[in-house]
Amino acid sequence: MSTCYNINMNNWIPIPGSSKEKILSTALAEFSHYGFAATNITQLAKKAQVTTGAIYHHFGSKTKLYEVIKKEMEQRIIDRMEGATDLFEEPNEKLKAALKTGLDFVIKKEIARLFIEEQDEGSSEVYQFLKGISSYKNLNGLDTLLYSSWVSTIKAISDESITILDGKKIIDWILRKDQ
């Protein structure tokens, strides 16, 4: 079995109990708790009960492992966002549903750190998804504002400076129809 770095979600799903599955589930927990920079590959391998060589064999590097984790979580969020947007016709309601659904998933799964660490927003699949549904207003930069607000709201919730209910109210306020 060859290692695939251009990840197609259906091609990399590991067999339950395999070393690859152990690495992925441990890496998700470690990156979500400590972030990319503070996650140590040696400690990750120890917690996953594999060798560091196994991590490099399956993923090539810490960066590629992080990318797999991040892309998988983004895809899970987008799947939920798409389902939520399908319930509405009006674009503002689609955006609200997408943002709130994504917020719920991130907080429930405790993966906020994956989204609040510095990153290029253009490489985010969630950003690209929001860009597609926010383009209806023909406002340059709306996609950036919505994504940045979403990430900031996740950060505030994870820092416990606001509740998830407050975060949803912020989304409602940003996307008021009278704007």
C-alpha atoms as a PDB file:
ATOM      1  CA  MET A   1       0.000   0.000   0.000  1.00  0.00           C
ATOM      2  CA  SER A   2       1.543   3.275  -1.040  1.00  0.00           C
ATOM      3  CA  THR A   3       1.324   6.442   1.007  1.00  0.00           C
ATOM      4  CA  CYS A   4      -0.841   9.092  -0.621  1.00  0.00           C
ATOM      5  CA  TYR A   5      -0.126  12.723   0.231  1.00  0.00           C
ATOM      6  CA  ASN A   6      -2.689  14.181  -2.144  1.00  0.00           C
ATOM      7  CA  ILE A   7      -5.480  13.127   0.121  1.00  0.00           C
ATOM      8  CA  ASN A   8      -8.734  11.805  -1.247  1.00  0.00           C
ATOM      9  CA  MET A   9     -10.944  11.226   1.779  1.00  0.00           C
ATOM     10  CA  ASN A  10     -12.130   7.830   0.574  1.00  0.00           C
ATOM     11  CA  ASN A  11      -8.606   6.543  -0.046  1.00  0.00           C
ATOM     12  CA  TRP A  12      -6.936   7.220   3.288  1.00  0.00           C
ATOM     13  CA  ILE A  13      -9.542   6.055   5.797  1.00  0.00           C
ATOM     14  CA  PRO A  14      -7.628   3.679   8.022  1.00  0.00           C
ATOM     15  CA  ILE A  15      -8.721   0.268   9.229  1.00  0.00           C
ATOM     16  CA  PRO A  16      -9.958   0.488  12.851  1.00  0.00           C
ATOM     17  CA  GLY A  17      -7.219  -0.585  15.251  1.00  0.00           C
ATOM     18  CA  SER A  18      -4.458  -0.188  12.647  1.00  0.00           C
ATOM     19  CA  SER A  19      -1.357   1.838  13.394  1.00  0.00           C
ATOM     20  CA  LYS A  20      -2.548   4.475  10.929  1.00  0.00           C
ATOM     21  CA  GLU A  21      -5.862   4.802  12.767  1.00  0.00           C
ATOM     22  CA  LYS A  22      -4.047   5.068  16.102  1.00  0.00           C
ATOM     23  CA  ILE A  23      -1.793   7.781  14.704  1.00  0.00           C
ATOM     24  CA  LEU A  24      -4.713   9.762  13.280  1.00  0.00           C
ATOM     25  CA  SER A  25      -6.874   9.606  16.386  1.00  0.00           C
ATOM     26  CA  THR A  26      -3.942  10.468  18.652  1.00  0.00           C
ATOM     27  CA  ALA A  27      -2.787  13.249  16.324  1.00  0.00           C
ATOM     28  CA  LEU A  28      -6.271  14.754  16.270  1.00  0.00           C
ATOM     29  CA  ALA A  29      -6.296  14.839  20.071  1.00  0.00           C
ATOM     30  CA  GLU A  30      -2.750  16.226  20.311  1.00  0.00           C
ATOM     31  CA  PHE A  31      -3.114  18.903  17.622  1.00  0.00           C
ATOM     32  CA  SER A  32      -6.516  19.893  19.036  1.00  0.00           C
ATOM     33  CA  HIS A  33      -5.142  20.198  22.546  1.00  0.00           C
ATOM     34  CA  TYR A  34      -1.610  21.542  22.031  1.00  0.00           C
ATOM     35  CA  GLY A  35      -1.661  22.997  18.524  1.00  0.00           C
ATOM     36  CA  PHE A  36       0.760  22.294  15.708  1.00  0.00           C
ATOM     37  CA  ALA A  37       3.941  23.841  17.124  1.00  0.00           C
ATOM     38  CA  ALA A  38       3.639  22.334  20.595  1.00  0.00           C
ATOM     39  CA  THR A  39       2.799  18.829  19.384  1.00  0.00           C
ATOM     40  CA  ASN A  40       5.854  16.631  19.669  1.00  0.00           C
ATOM     41  CA  ILE A  41       6.087  13.733  17.213  1.00  0.00           C
ATOM     42  CA  THR A  42       7.983  11.529  19.673  1.00  0.00           C
ATOM     43  CA  GLN A  43       5.304  12.034  22.338  1.00  0.00           C
ATOM     44  CA  LEU A  44       2.565  11.562  19.764  1.00  0.00           C
ATOM     45  CA  ALA A  45       4.102   8.256  18.678  1.00  0.00           C
ATOM     46  CA  LYS A  46       4.413   7.122  22.279  1.00  0.00           C
ATOM     47  CA  LYS A  47       0.761   7.962  23.009  1.00  0.00           C
ATOM     48  CA  ALA A  48      -0.352   6.206  19.809  1.00  0.00           C
ATOM     49  CA  GLN A  49       1.834   3.202  20.727  1.00  0.00           C
ATOM     50  CA  VAL A  50       3.685   3.343  17.424  1.00  0.00           C
ATOM     51  CA  THR A  51       7.173   4.348  16.385  1.00  0.00           C
ATOM     52  CA  THR A  52       8.037   7.737  14.956  1.00  0.00           C
ATOM     53  CA  GLY A  53       9.059   5.796  11.855  1.00  0.00           C
ATOM     54  CA  ALA A  54       5.458   4.627  11.459  1.00  0.00           C
ATOM     55  CA  ILE A  55       4.283   8.243  11.494  1.00  0.00           C
ATOM     56  CA  TYR A  56       6.818   9.223   8.841  1.00  0.00           C
ATOM     57  CA  HIS A  57       6.023   6.108   6.811  1.00  0.00           C
ATOM     58  CA  HIS A  58       2.308   6.892   6.665  1.00  0.00           C
ATOM     59  CA  PHE A  59       2.444  10.683   6.477  1.00  0.00           C
ATOM     60  CA  GLY A  60       5.959  11.792   5.566  1.00  0.00           C
ATOM     61  CA  SER A  61       6.158  14.617   8.095  1.00  0.00           C
ATOM     62  CA  LYS A  62       4.434  16.304  11.004  1.00  0.00           C
ATOM     63  CA  THR A  63       3.182  18.972   8.599  1.00  0.00           C
ATOM     64  CA  LYS A  64       1.579  16.432   6.281  1.00  0.00           C
ATOM     65  CA  LEU A  65      -0.012  14.628   9.229  1.00  0.00           C
ATOM     66  CA  TYR A  66      -1.442  17.958  10.421  1.00  0.00           C
ATOM     67  CA  GLU A  67      -2.732  18.696   6.920  1.00  0.00           C
ATOM     68  CA  VAL A  68      -4.549  15.347   6.824  1.00  0.00           C
ATOM     69  CA  ILE A  69      -6.143  16.009  10.213  1.00  0.00           C
ATOM     70  CA  LYS A  70      -7.104  19.573   9.275  1.00  0.00           C
ATOM     71  CA  LYS A  71      -8.551  18.599   5.884  1.00  0.00           C
ATOM     72  CA  GLU A  72     -10.580  15.771   7.403  1.00  0.00           C
ATOM     73  CA  MET A  73     -12.054  18.046  10.064  1.00  0.00           C
ATOM     74  CA  GLU A  74     -12.775  20.743   7.488  1.00  0.00           C
ATOM     75  CA  GLN A  75     -14.531  18.193   5.273  1.00  0.00           C
ATOM     76  CA  ARG A  76     -16.662  17.018   8.184  1.00  0.00           C
ATOM     77  CA  ILE A  77     -17.619  20.633   8.906  1.00  0.00           C
ATOM     78  CA  ILE A  78     -18.412  21.347   5.257  1.00  0.00           C
ATOM     79  CA  ASP A  79     -20.562  18.202   5.013  1.00  0.00           C
ATOM     80  CA  ARG A  80     -22.618  19.488   7.924  1.00  0.00           C
ATOM     81  CA  MET A  81     -22.693  23.050   6.571  1.00  0.00           C
ATOM     82  CA  GLU A  82     -23.951  21.819   3.203  1.00  0.00           C
ATOM     83  CA  GLY A  83     -26.706  19.847   4.897  1.00  0.00           C
ATOM     84  CA  ALA A  84     -27.721  22.895   6.931  1.00  0.00           C
ATOM     85  CA  THR A  85     -27.735  25.235   3.925  1.00  0.00           C
ATOM     86  CA  ASP A  86     -29.926  22.828   1.962  1.00  0.00           C
ATOM     87  CA  LEU A  87     -32.735  23.582   4.411  1.00  0.00           C
ATOM     88  CA  PHE A  88     -32.992  27.220   3.331  1.00  0.00           C
ATOM     89  CA  GLU A  89     -33.647  29.168   0.143  1.00  0.00           C
ATOM     90  CA  GLU A  90     -32.674  32.664   1.307  1.00  0.00           C
ATOM     91  CA  PRO A  91     -28.893  33.274   1.119  1.00  0.00           C
ATOM     92  CA  ASN A  92     -28.651  35.022   4.520  1.00  0.00           C
ATOM     93  CA  GLU A  93     -30.361  32.062   6.166  1.00  0.00           C
ATOM     94  CA  LYS A  94     -28.006  29.691   4.337  1.00  0.00           C
ATOM     95  CA  LEU A  95     -25.014  31.601   5.700  1.00  0.00           C
ATOM     96  CA  LYS A  96     -26.392  31.673   9.242  1.00  0.00           C
ATOM     97  CA  ALA A  97     -27.127  27.951   9.147  1.00  0.00           C
ATOM     98  CA  ALA A  98     -23.673  27.140   7.780  1.00  0.00           C
ATOM     99  CA  LEU A  99     -21.809  29.284  10.313  1.00  0.00           C
ATOM    100  CA  LYS A 100     -23.827  28.069  13.301  1.00  0.00           C
ATOM    101  CA  THR A 101     -23.583  24.425  12.260  1.00  0.00           C
ATOM    102  CA  GLY A 102     -19.823  24.713  11.809  1.00  0.00           C
ATOM    103  CA  LEU A 103     -19.531  26.444  15.165  1.00  0.00           C
ATOM    104  CA  ASP A 104     -21.491  23.677  16.884  1.00  0.00           C
ATOM    105  CA  PHE A 105     -19.288  20.979  15.352  1.00  0.00           C
ATOM    106  CA  VAL A 106     -15.990  22.664  16.217  1.00  0.00           C
ATOM    107  CA  ILE A 107     -16.995  23.247  19.829  1.00  0.00           C
ATOM    108  CA  LYS A 108     -18.617  19.828  20.305  1.00  0.00           C
ATOM    109  CA  LYS A 109     -15.597  17.995  18.890  1.00  0.00           C
ATOM    110  CA  GLU A 110     -13.183  20.256  20.817  1.00  0.00           C
ATOM    111  CA  ILE A 111     -11.132  21.047  17.728  1.00  0.00           C
ATOM    112  CA  ALA A 112     -11.071  24.843  18.044  1.00  0.00           C
ATOM    113  CA  ARG A 113      -7.278  25.037  18.052  1.00  0.00           C
ATOM    114  CA  LEU A 114      -7.208  23.610  14.517  1.00  0.00           C
ATOM    115  CA  PHE A 115      -9.058  26.717  13.349  1.00  0.00           C
ATOM    116  CA  ILE A 116      -7.641  29.441  15.551  1.00  0.00           C
ATOM    117  CA  GLU A 117      -3.986  28.776  14.818  1.00  0.00           C
ATOM    118  CA  GLU A 118      -2.498  31.111  12.243  1.00  0.00           C
ATOM    119  CA  GLN A 119      -3.156  29.970   8.724  1.00  0.00           C
ATOM    120  CA  ASP A 120      -3.678  31.206   5.222  1.00  0.00           C
ATOM    121  CA  GLU A 121      -7.445  31.621   5.018  1.00  0.00           C
ATOM    122  CA  GLY A 122      -7.364  31.005   1.271  1.00  0.00           C
ATOM    123  CA  SER A 123      -6.171  27.453   1.916  1.00  0.00           C
ATOM    124  CA  SER A 124      -9.101  26.743   4.232  1.00  0.00           C
ATOM    125  CA  GLU A 125     -11.822  24.586   2.716  1.00  0.00           C
ATOM    126  CA  VAL A 126     -14.319  26.165   5.115  1.00  0.00           C
ATOM    127  CA  TYR A 127     -13.322  29.617   3.835  1.00  0.00           C
ATOM    128  CA  GLN A 128     -13.787  28.455   0.245  1.00  0.00           C
ATOM    129  CA  PHE A 129     -17.214  27.052   1.098  1.00  0.00           C
ATOM    130  CA  LEU A 130     -18.299  30.307   2.761  1.00  0.00           C
ATOM    131  CA  LYS A 131     -16.914  32.274  -0.173  1.00  0.00           C
ATOM    132  CA  GLY A 132     -19.188  30.333  -2.495  1.00  0.00           C
ATOM    133  CA  ILE A 133     -22.352  31.068  -0.561  1.00  0.00           C
ATOM    134  CA  SER A 134     -21.497  34.659   0.406  1.00  0.00           C
ATOM    135  CA  SER A 135     -20.877  35.806  -3.161  1.00  0.00           C
ATOM    136  CA  TYR A 136     -24.583  36.548  -3.681  1.00  0.00           C
ATOM    137  CA  LYS A 137     -24.277  39.961  -2.012  1.00  0.00           C
ATOM    138  CA  ASN A 138     -21.596  41.166  -4.431  1.00  0.00           C
ATOM    139  CA  LEU A 139     -19.664  42.679  -1.536  1.00  0.00           C
ATOM    140  CA  ASN A 140     -15.935  42.329  -1.976  1.00  0.00           C
ATOM    141  CA  GLY A 141     -14.435  41.000   1.238  1.00  0.00           C
ATOM    142  CA  LEU A 142     -17.636  39.601   2.753  1.00  0.00           C
ATOM    143  CA  ASP A 143     -16.184  36.100   2.626  1.00  0.00           C
ATOM    144  CA  THR A 144     -13.091  37.263   4.525  1.00  0.00           C
ATOM    145  CA  LEU A 145     -15.193  39.060   7.122  1.00  0.00           C
ATOM    146  CA  LEU A 146     -17.457  36.043   7.668  1.00  0.00           C
ATOM    147  CA  TYR A 147     -14.602  33.569   7.950  1.00  0.00           C
ATOM    148  CA  SER A 148     -12.583  35.853  10.244  1.00  0.00           C
ATOM    149  CA  SER A 149     -15.633  36.464  12.424  1.00  0.00           C
ATOM    150  CA  TRP A 150     -16.335  32.730  12.565  1.00  0.00           C
ATOM    151  CA  VAL A 151     -12.753  31.947  13.635  1.00  0.00           C
ATOM    152  CA  SER A 152     -12.756  34.808  16.165  1.00  0.00           C
ATOM    153  CA  THR A 153     -16.022  33.526  17.602  1.00  0.00           C
ATOM    154  CA  ILE A 154     -14.542  30.023  17.934  1.00  0.00           C
ATOM    155  CA  LYS A 155     -11.540  31.521  19.724  1.00  0.00           C
ATOM    156  CA  ALA A 156     -13.718  33.530  22.112  1.00  0.00           C
ATOM    157  CA  ILE A 157     -15.789  30.452  22.939  1.00  0.00           C
ATOM    158  CA  SER A 158     -12.705  28.298  23.501  1.00  0.00           C
ATOM    159  CA  ASP A 159     -11.212  31.047  25.701  1.00  0.00           C
ATOM    160  CA  GLU A 160     -14.521  31.044  27.598  1.00  0.00           C
ATOM    161  CA  SER A 161     -14.988  34.777  27.089  1.00  0.00           C
ATOM    162  CA  ILE A 162     -18.357  34.089  25.427  1.00  0.00           C
ATOM    163  CA  THR A 163     -20.763  31.158  25.302  1.00  0.00           C
ATOM    164  CA  ILE A 164     -21.757  29.258  22.200  1.00  0.00           C
ATOM    165  CA  LEU A 165     -25.173  30.944  22.470  1.00  0.00           C
ATOM    166  CA  ASP A 166     -23.431  34.345  22.421  1.00  0.00           C
ATOM    167  CA  GLY A 167     -21.493  33.196  19.357  1.00  0.00           C
ATOM    168  CA  LYS A 168     -24.699  32.298  17.547  1.00  0.00           C
ATOM    169  CA  LYS A 169     -26.201  35.669  18.453  1.00  0.00           C
ATOM    170  CA  ILE A 170     -23.133  37.351  16.949  1.00  0.00           C
ATOM    171  CA  ILE A 171     -23.635  35.407  13.720  1.00  0.00           C
ATOM    172  CA  ASP A 172     -27.291  36.496  13.660  1.00  0.00           C
ATOM    173  CA  TRP A 173     -26.269  40.110  14.236  1.00  0.00           C
ATOM    174  CA  ILE A 174     -23.631  40.076  11.489  1.00  0.00           C
ATOM    175  CA  LEU A 175     -26.113  38.642   9.021  1.00  0.00           C
ATOM    176  CA  ARG A 176     -29.119  40.828   9.853  1.00  0.00           C
ATOM    177  CA  LYS A 177     -31.382  41.274   6.852  1.00  0.00           C
ATOM    178  CA  ASP A 178     -31.616  45.036   7.261  1.00  0.00           C
ATOM    179  CA  GLN A 179     -28.001  45.534   6.227  1.00  0.00           C
END
